[in-house]
Amino acid sequence: MKVNKNTLYAALFLLCVAVPYLNNYELTFAIWTLATALSLRKSYNKHLLYQLFFFSSILVIATISAFFHDFKGYDFIRDFTYIVKPILGLLVGYQLARTHLVNPIKTLIVSGFYLAIIHLVLVVGTILFVGFRDIHLLRFYAGYFSDFEIYALVLLWFSNKFQIEFTRQQKGVMLVLLLASTFFYLSRINFIQAGILFLALKGFFTLNKRLIVVVATGIVLVVGGYFALLAYNPIRNGKGADAFLYKIKVIPEEAFKTRVDASDWKDFNDNYRSVENILTVKQMGNSGTPTLLFGKGLGSRVDLKQEVELDGTKMKYISIVHNGYMTTFLKSGLLGVILLISSILVLRKAQVIGESYKMYNRLLIGTVLFLFLSYWVFLGFYFKADTKSIILGLILACYDRIVLNQQPKSL
């Protein structure tokens, strides 16, 4: 039986977005590198080249800075593979979508649907053996979040706007399963991501009266809801929904707290991400002006001052912190952070005027807004399990495909 090339490349795309969920970065790195090599092109979108320039510059600065500081060979190589990850993801997404996929957006949606099925199987298995009352165990065994499935869910909802055809029954089944999968991740950031992308694709992020009303209403609802949550006062390590509500309650402190009592176990654990940020800034500040500007380089680490259990291992020194801006600051200094922020801001210029591009422009704006948050909360493109760099590469390829389809055919 002959298998067409599109099916093979669609399977390769699914493999690239699925493998990060195995939490084996060596395997992810190998498959993404192979996929990049198998789909190389002679020409690239200029906006993709801008992205490659920014992330390559961060990598070069971090590599050079490393030789002015002490580092271990293993740490250097590991950091190199982490920092090069956005470059590989952008290339994989762009190259596969630009030439090898018949309908990139549809392939994204279907891939997300398959991932949702796998997640729900894990959820059912966990509930059968562990139960549903312990949210922490459910997320530990079934998965913590999935940015990719959120993209699939929102794009499926707007599939008709992208001229993607599903039967009513197909769309209904896919929506139900993707919604169920999203719910069982119980991820704060995924719920926020879904809201941002949905509003973006509805056109609410174009500056007008409607945007002002939506933002004002959103602020009132968020503030009001948060005060109601404070009044309810969910407890730490509560059962069922209380555990999730407690995580929402501590969001402001967890992200922005500048003083944490390291001797207080509860304060330290509830605000651990703030601890990472505080220690990173302090230790960088104590290392001199050149380090502030150019970072400590690949192989650099943050001293947590005490052992902390991360990914099942007790660690005192960490090379990657949860905050993407802080990780970039550690590796390539303030210059690296400026380059990282610039890589997001410059994406606005990738938009194209025209009805054919309207939904892609909205999708790009939603992605830009979410990236600012994603880098702060969970490393953005640099997170080991992240696939948004592939999605961004795919979006940029879709612009090229529209241009190509609109060119008059020669006789």
Protein backbone atom coordinates (compact mmCIF):
# COMPACT_ATOMS: atom_id res chain seq x y z
CA MET A 1 0.00 0.00 0.00
CA LYS A 2 1.42 3.34 -1.07
CA VAL A 3 1.34 6.15 1.51
CA ASN A 4 1.36 9.68 0.08
CA LYS A 5 3.96 12.20 1.20
CA ASN A 6 1.42 14.51 2.84
CA THR A 7 0.36 11.72 5.21
CA LEU A 8 3.99 11.07 6.12
CA TYR A 9 4.72 14.74 6.76
CA ALA A 10 1.47 15.13 8.75
CA ALA A 11 2.61 12.17 10.88
CA LEU A 12 6.02 13.82 11.29
CA PHE A 13 4.31 17.03 12.41
CA LEU A 14 2.21 15.08 14.93
CA LEU A 15 5.34 13.35 16.20
CA CYS A 16 7.11 16.70 16.66
CA VAL A 17 4.27 18.18 18.73
CA ALA A 18 3.63 14.98 20.68
CA VAL A 19 7.15 14.00 21.73
CA PRO A 20 7.62 16.94 24.19
CA TYR A 21 4.78 15.47 26.30
CA LEU A 22 7.02 12.48 27.09
CA ASN A 23 9.20 14.80 29.19
CA ASN A 24 12.36 13.45 27.54
CA TYR A 25 14.13 16.47 26.12
CA GLU A 26 16.94 14.46 24.54
CA LEU A 27 14.34 12.65 22.41
CA THR A 28 12.56 15.93 21.57
CA PHE A 29 15.85 17.52 20.51
CA ALA A 30 16.74 14.54 18.32
CA ILE A 31 13.36 14.38 16.56
CA TRP A 32 13.13 18.15 16.01
CA THR A 33 16.67 18.19 14.60
CA LEU A 34 15.83 15.31 12.27
CA ALA A 35 12.57 16.98 11.15
CA THR A 36 14.46 20.20 10.44
CA ALA A 37 17.04 18.35 8.35
CA LEU A 38 14.38 16.44 6.39
CA SER A 39 12.44 19.57 5.42
CA LEU A 40 15.13 22.20 4.69
CA ARG A 41 14.29 24.93 2.18
CA LYS A 42 16.30 27.29 -0.03
CA SER A 43 14.24 30.38 0.86
CA TYR A 44 12.50 31.65 3.99
CA ASN A 45 10.00 34.27 5.08
CA LYS A 46 11.80 37.46 6.16
CA HIS A 47 9.83 37.59 9.40
CA LEU A 48 10.96 34.06 10.21
CA LEU A 49 14.53 35.21 9.55
CA TYR A 50 14.02 38.05 12.03
CA GLN A 51 12.98 35.49 14.65
CA LEU A 52 15.98 33.30 13.86
CA PHE A 53 18.25 36.34 14.15
CA PHE A 54 16.97 37.27 17.63
CA PHE A 55 17.19 33.75 19.05
CA SER A 56 20.55 33.05 17.39
CA SER A 57 21.92 36.29 18.86
CA ILE A 58 20.79 35.25 22.34
CA LEU A 59 22.53 31.90 21.81
CA VAL A 60 25.77 33.53 20.57
CA ILE A 61 25.90 35.97 23.51
CA ALA A 62 25.29 33.14 26.00
CA THR A 63 27.99 31.00 24.35
CA ILE A 64 30.63 33.75 24.43
CA SER A 65 29.73 34.86 27.96
CA ALA A 66 30.23 31.31 29.24
CA PHE A 67 33.99 31.51 28.62
CA PHE A 68 34.30 34.39 31.09
CA HIS A 69 32.74 32.30 33.88
CA ASP A 70 33.19 28.85 35.37
CA PHE A 71 30.99 26.09 33.97
CA LYS A 72 30.86 22.31 33.67
CA GLY A 73 30.96 20.67 30.25
CA TYR A 74 27.69 18.83 30.76
CA ASP A 75 25.88 21.98 31.91
CA PHE A 76 27.20 23.90 28.88
CA ILE A 77 26.00 21.28 26.38
CA ARG A 78 22.62 20.90 28.10
CA ASP A 79 22.05 24.66 28.09
CA PHE A 80 23.04 24.85 24.43
CA THR A 81 20.34 22.35 23.48
CA TYR A 82 17.78 24.28 25.57
CA ILE A 83 18.65 27.70 24.12
CA VAL A 84 18.65 26.40 20.53
CA LYS A 85 15.15 24.89 20.98
CA PRO A 86 13.16 27.93 19.71
CA ILE A 87 15.26 27.96 16.54
CA LEU A 88 14.51 24.31 15.84
CA GLY A 89 10.80 24.75 16.60
CA LEU A 90 10.42 27.75 14.29
CA LEU A 91 12.17 25.88 11.47
CA VAL A 92 10.13 22.70 11.95
CA GLY A 93 6.83 24.60 11.96
CA TYR A 94 7.69 26.81 8.99
CA GLN A 95 9.30 24.18 6.80
CA LEU A 96 6.62 21.53 7.22
CA ALA A 97 3.74 24.00 6.83
CA ARG A 98 5.25 25.97 3.96
CA THR A 99 5.65 23.04 1.56
CA HIS A 100 4.76 19.63 2.95
CA LEU A 101 1.31 19.95 4.57
CA VAL A 102 -1.81 20.27 2.39
CA ASN A 103 -3.65 22.31 5.05
CA PRO A 104 -1.42 23.38 7.98
CA ILE A 105 -4.22 24.72 10.20
CA LYS A 106 -6.29 21.58 9.73
CA THR A 107 -3.24 19.44 10.48
CA LEU A 108 -2.73 21.44 13.69
CA ILE A 109 -6.35 20.92 14.75
CA VAL A 110 -6.33 17.18 14.03
CA SER A 111 -2.99 16.75 15.83
CA GLY A 112 -4.42 18.55 18.87
CA PHE A 113 -7.44 16.26 18.75
CA TYR A 114 -5.20 13.16 18.87
CA LEU A 115 -3.30 14.63 21.82
CA ALA A 116 -6.61 15.27 23.61
CA ILE A 117 -7.62 11.62 23.18
CA ILE A 118 -4.31 10.46 24.67
CA HIS A 119 -4.70 12.89 27.57
CA LEU A 120 -8.26 11.77 28.32
CA VAL A 121 -7.15 8.11 28.35
CA LEU A 122 -4.54 9.07 30.96
CA VAL A 123 -7.16 11.01 32.93
CA VAL A 124 -9.56 8.05 33.00
CA GLY A 125 -6.77 5.69 34.04
CA THR A 126 -5.68 8.04 36.83
CA ILE A 127 -9.23 8.48 38.13
CA LEU A 128 -9.77 4.71 38.16
CA PHE A 129 -6.60 4.01 40.14
CA VAL A 130 -6.12 7.19 42.19
CA GLY A 131 -9.51 8.88 42.31
CA PHE A 132 -10.64 12.40 41.44
CA ARG A 133 -10.44 14.10 44.81
CA ASP A 134 -6.69 14.68 44.69
CA ILE A 135 -6.20 17.24 41.89
CA HIS A 136 -2.42 17.26 42.39
CA LEU A 137 -2.09 13.52 41.68
CA LEU A 138 -4.45 13.75 38.70
CA ARG A 139 -2.28 16.43 37.11
CA PHE A 140 0.93 14.64 38.08
CA TYR A 141 -0.03 11.46 36.22
CA ALA A 142 -2.16 12.87 33.37
CA GLY A 143 -0.38 16.15 32.58
CA TYR A 144 -0.16 19.72 33.81
CA PHE A 145 -1.07 21.77 30.74
CA SER A 146 -1.16 21.79 26.92
CA ASP A 147 -0.79 25.04 25.01
CA PHE A 148 -1.02 23.11 21.75
CA GLU A 149 -4.46 21.68 22.54
CA ILE A 150 -5.72 25.18 23.33
CA TYR A 151 -4.65 26.36 19.89
CA ALA A 152 -6.37 23.32 18.37
CA LEU A 153 -9.56 23.98 20.36
CA VAL A 154 -9.83 27.68 19.48
CA LEU A 155 -8.92 27.14 15.81
CA LEU A 156 -11.50 24.36 15.58
CA TRP A 157 -14.14 26.74 16.95
CA PHE A 158 -13.26 29.24 14.19
CA SER A 159 -12.49 26.60 11.55
CA ASN A 160 -15.08 27.94 9.10
CA LYS A 161 -13.33 31.33 9.17
CA PHE A 162 -10.15 29.60 7.98
CA GLN A 163 -12.07 27.77 5.21
CA ILE A 164 -11.50 24.43 6.92
CA GLU A 165 -14.27 21.90 6.47
CA PHE A 166 -15.42 19.38 9.05
CA THR A 167 -18.80 17.70 9.11
CA ARG A 168 -21.09 18.88 11.89
CA GLN A 169 -20.67 15.55 13.66
CA GLN A 170 -16.88 15.60 13.35
CA LYS A 171 -16.65 19.14 14.69
CA GLY A 172 -19.02 18.35 17.56
CA VAL A 173 -17.06 15.28 18.71
CA MET A 174 -13.72 17.07 18.41
CA LEU A 175 -14.97 20.10 20.34
CA VAL A 176 -16.34 17.97 23.18
CA LEU A 177 -13.13 15.97 23.57
CA LEU A 178 -10.85 19.00 23.31
CA LEU A 179 -12.97 20.89 25.86
CA ALA A 180 -12.92 17.89 28.22
CA SER A 181 -9.16 17.53 27.87
CA THR A 182 -8.66 21.26 28.51
CA PHE A 183 -10.82 21.10 31.63
CA PHE A 184 -8.93 18.15 33.12
CA TYR A 185 -5.57 19.91 32.80
CA LEU A 186 -6.97 22.38 35.39
CA SER A 187 -4.30 24.81 34.23
CA ARG A 188 -4.67 28.49 35.04
CA ILE A 189 -2.43 29.54 32.17
CA ASN A 190 -4.36 27.39 29.66
CA PHE A 191 -7.67 29.02 30.65
CA ILE A 192 -6.10 32.46 30.22
CA GLN A 193 -4.57 31.40 26.89
CA ALA A 194 -7.94 30.20 25.62
CA GLY A 195 -9.52 33.53 26.57
CA ILE A 196 -6.79 35.56 24.84
CA LEU A 197 -6.90 33.55 21.61
CA PHE A 198 -10.71 33.48 21.52
CA LEU A 199 -10.98 37.26 21.96
CA ALA A 200 -8.19 37.80 19.41
CA LEU A 201 -9.91 35.70 16.75
CA LYS A 202 -13.18 37.50 17.46
CA GLY A 203 -11.35 40.73 16.60
CA PHE A 204 -11.48 42.31 20.05
CA PHE A 205 -7.82 43.34 20.06
CA THR A 206 -8.24 45.96 17.36
CA LEU A 207 -8.19 49.34 19.14
CA ASN A 208 -11.76 50.63 19.11
CA LYS A 209 -14.71 51.28 21.41
CA ARG A 210 -15.53 47.58 21.60
CA LEU A 211 -12.01 46.78 22.84
CA ILE A 212 -12.28 49.40 25.59
CA VAL A 213 -15.63 47.96 26.73
CA VAL A 214 -14.27 44.38 26.70
CA VAL A 215 -11.11 45.32 28.64
CA ALA A 216 -13.06 47.35 31.21
CA THR A 217 -15.59 44.55 31.66
CA GLY A 218 -12.82 41.98 31.94
CA ILE A 219 -11.04 43.99 34.63
CA VAL A 220 -14.25 44.36 36.64
CA LEU A 221 -15.02 40.63 36.39
CA VAL A 222 -11.46 39.56 37.26
CA VAL A 223 -11.16 41.92 40.23
CA GLY A 224 -14.66 41.07 41.46
CA GLY A 225 -14.05 37.35 41.05
CA TYR A 226 -10.73 37.57 42.89
CA PHE A 227 -12.29 39.36 45.86
CA ALA A 228 -15.03 36.72 45.94
CA LEU A 229 -12.30 34.07 45.97
CA LEU A 230 -10.56 35.82 48.87
CA ALA A 231 -13.87 35.85 50.75
CA TYR A 232 -14.30 32.11 50.10
CA ASN A 233 -10.66 31.59 51.21
CA PRO A 234 -9.77 28.14 49.78
CA ILE A 235 -7.20 26.36 51.93
CA ARG A 236 -3.78 25.04 50.98
CA ASN A 237 -3.75 21.31 50.03
CA GLY A 238 -7.54 21.32 49.94
CA LYS A 239 -9.57 18.56 48.33
CA GLY A 240 -11.11 18.70 44.87
CA ALA A 241 -11.73 22.18 43.48
CA ASP A 242 -10.25 23.86 46.58
CA ALA A 243 -6.73 22.91 45.47
CA PHE A 244 -7.27 24.59 42.10
CA LEU A 245 -8.92 27.68 43.62
CA TYR A 246 -6.02 28.05 46.07
CA LYS A 247 -3.59 28.14 43.11
CA ILE A 248 -5.63 30.99 41.63
CA LYS A 249 -5.69 32.80 44.97
CA VAL A 250 -1.87 32.94 45.21
CA ILE A 251 -1.23 34.04 41.59
CA PRO A 252 -0.42 37.71 42.43
CA GLU A 253 2.02 36.79 45.20
CA GLU A 254 3.55 33.88 43.30
CA ALA A 255 4.39 36.03 40.29
CA PHE A 256 5.35 39.37 41.83
CA LYS A 257 6.33 38.91 45.47
CA THR A 258 9.75 40.42 46.18
CA ARG A 259 10.33 39.17 49.73
CA VAL A 260 10.03 35.53 50.76
CA ASP A 261 10.88 33.98 54.13
CA ALA A 262 13.08 31.01 53.16
CA SER A 263 12.74 29.56 56.67
CA ASP A 264 8.95 29.47 56.36
CA TRP A 265 8.15 26.26 54.43
CA LYS A 266 4.68 27.44 53.40
CA ASP A 267 5.87 30.89 52.25
CA PHE A 268 8.82 29.37 50.37
CA ASN A 269 6.78 26.74 48.52
CA ASP A 270 3.78 28.95 47.74
CA ASN A 271 6.07 31.60 46.27
CA TYR A 272 8.83 29.41 44.86
CA ARG A 273 8.85 31.10 41.44
CA SER A 274 9.35 34.46 43.15
CA VAL A 275 12.24 32.87 45.06
CA GLU A 276 13.89 31.93 41.75
CA ASN A 277 13.47 35.47 40.40
CA ILE A 278 14.74 37.12 43.58
CA LEU A 279 17.84 34.93 43.79
CA THR A 280 18.59 35.32 40.07
CA VAL A 281 18.49 39.11 40.26
CA LYS A 282 20.56 39.20 43.49
CA GLN A 283 23.25 36.86 42.21
CA MET A 284 23.48 38.61 38.84
CA GLY A 285 23.68 41.99 40.58
CA ASN A 286 26.59 40.78 42.72
CA SER A 287 28.58 39.69 39.65
CA GLY A 288 29.40 43.08 38.12
CA THR A 289 28.27 45.26 35.22
CA PRO A 290 29.57 43.04 32.36
CA THR A 291 27.57 40.12 33.75
CA LEU A 292 24.44 42.26 34.03
CA LEU A 293 24.83 43.26 30.38
CA PHE A 294 25.88 39.92 28.85
CA GLY A 295 24.91 37.28 31.42
CA LYS A 296 26.82 34.35 32.88
CA GLY A 297 26.51 32.26 29.74
CA LEU A 298 25.71 28.65 28.99
CA GLY A 299 26.30 26.35 31.96
CA SER A 300 25.53 29.06 34.54
CA ARG A 301 23.39 28.20 37.55
CA VAL A 302 21.37 29.87 40.32
CA ASP A 303 22.14 28.93 43.93
CA LEU A 304 18.82 28.29 45.72
CA LYS A 305 20.60 28.34 49.13
CA GLN A 306 18.80 25.15 50.13
CA GLU A 307 17.80 21.86 48.54
CA VAL A 308 14.47 21.91 46.69
CA GLU A 309 12.70 18.94 45.13
CA LEU A 310 12.17 19.57 41.42
CA ASP A 311 10.98 16.89 38.97
CA GLY A 312 11.47 14.29 41.70
CA THR A 313 15.11 15.28 42.32
CA LYS A 314 16.51 17.36 45.18
CA MET A 315 18.53 20.25 43.78
CA LYS A 316 20.38 23.22 45.25
CA TYR A 317 21.65 24.66 41.96
CA ILE A 318 19.44 25.12 38.89
CA SER A 319 20.40 26.23 35.39
CA ILE A 320 16.88 27.09 34.19
CA VAL A 321 14.28 29.07 36.16
CA HIS A 322 10.54 29.10 35.45
CA ASN A 323 10.56 32.69 34.21
CA GLY A 324 11.74 32.92 30.58
CA TYR A 325 12.91 36.52 30.95
CA MET A 326 14.97 35.59 34.02
CA THR A 327 16.48 32.55 32.30
CA THR A 328 17.50 34.74 29.36
CA PHE A 329 18.85 37.34 31.82
CA LEU A 330 20.96 34.65 33.52
CA LYS A 331 22.39 33.31 30.26
CA SER A 332 22.77 36.45 28.12
CA GLY A 333 22.12 39.43 30.38
CA LEU A 334 20.03 42.53 29.76
CA LEU A 335 21.02 42.47 26.10
CA GLY A 336 19.48 39.01 25.78
CA VAL A 337 16.25 40.17 27.47
CA ILE A 338 16.01 43.11 25.05
CA LEU A 339 16.45 40.72 22.12
CA LEU A 340 13.80 38.37 23.53
CA ILE A 341 11.24 41.15 23.97
CA SER A 342 12.11 42.48 20.51
CA SER A 343 11.43 39.02 19.03
CA ILE A 344 7.84 39.33 20.28
CA LEU A 345 7.25 42.99 19.38
CA VAL A 346 8.56 42.60 15.82
CA LEU A 347 5.88 40.00 15.08
CA ARG A 348 3.32 42.80 14.71
CA LYS A 349 5.08 43.77 11.48
CA ALA A 350 4.38 40.31 10.03
CA GLN A 351 0.70 41.24 9.61
CA VAL A 352 -0.53 41.82 6.06
CA ILE A 353 -3.42 44.05 4.98
CA GLY A 354 -6.18 42.21 3.15
CA GLU A 355 -9.30 40.14 3.77
CA SER A 356 -7.44 36.88 3.06
CA TYR A 357 -5.07 37.61 5.94
CA LYS A 358 -7.61 38.86 8.50
CA MET A 359 -7.90 35.70 10.60
CA TYR A 360 -4.16 35.02 10.47
CA ASN A 361 -3.49 38.58 11.62
CA ARG A 362 -5.83 38.05 14.56
CA LEU A 363 -4.21 34.70 15.37
CA LEU A 364 -0.79 36.35 15.29
CA ILE A 365 -1.89 39.17 17.61
CA GLY A 366 -3.33 36.65 20.07
CA THR A 367 -0.06 34.72 19.95
CA VAL A 368 1.97 37.89 20.58
CA LEU A 369 -0.12 38.82 23.62
CA PHE A 370 0.06 35.32 25.06
CA LEU A 371 3.83 35.08 24.50
CA PHE A 372 4.45 38.03 26.84
CA LEU A 373 2.59 36.16 29.58
CA SER A 374 3.99 32.74 28.68
CA TYR A 375 7.61 33.83 29.06
CA TRP A 376 6.83 35.28 32.50
CA VAL A 377 4.88 32.31 33.81
CA PHE A 378 6.54 29.29 32.23
CA LEU A 379 9.63 29.95 30.06
CA GLY A 380 7.78 30.49 26.77
CA PHE A 381 9.60 28.91 23.83
CA TYR A 382 12.39 27.72 26.17
CA PHE A 383 10.22 25.32 28.17
CA LYS A 384 11.15 21.70 27.40
CA ALA A 385 7.57 20.66 26.64
CA ASP A 386 6.62 23.81 24.73
CA THR A 387 5.47 23.64 21.09
CA LYS A 388 4.45 27.28 20.48
CA SER A 389 7.59 27.89 18.42
CA ILE A 390 6.33 25.25 15.97
CA ILE A 391 2.93 26.97 15.89
CA LEU A 392 4.49 30.38 15.22
CA GLY A 393 6.58 28.94 12.38
CA LEU A 394 3.39 27.41 10.96
CA ILE A 395 1.52 30.74 11.14
CA LEU A 396 4.31 32.56 9.29
CA ALA A 397 4.29 29.84 6.62
CA CYS A 398 0.53 30.34 6.15
CA TYR A 399 1.14 33.98 5.16
CA ASP A 400 3.53 32.79 2.43
CA ARG A 401 1.04 30.21 1.20
CA ILE A 402 -1.68 32.86 0.82
CA VAL A 403 0.67 35.07 -1.21
CA LEU A 404 1.60 32.10 -3.39
CA ASN A 405 -2.04 31.15 -4.00
CA GLN A 406 -2.92 34.71 -5.00
CA GLN A 407 -0.18 34.98 -7.62
CA PRO A 408 -1.54 34.75 -11.18
CA LYS A 409 -0.73 31.42 -12.84
CA SER A 410 1.29 31.62 -16.06
CA LEU A 411 -0.27 30.13 -19.18
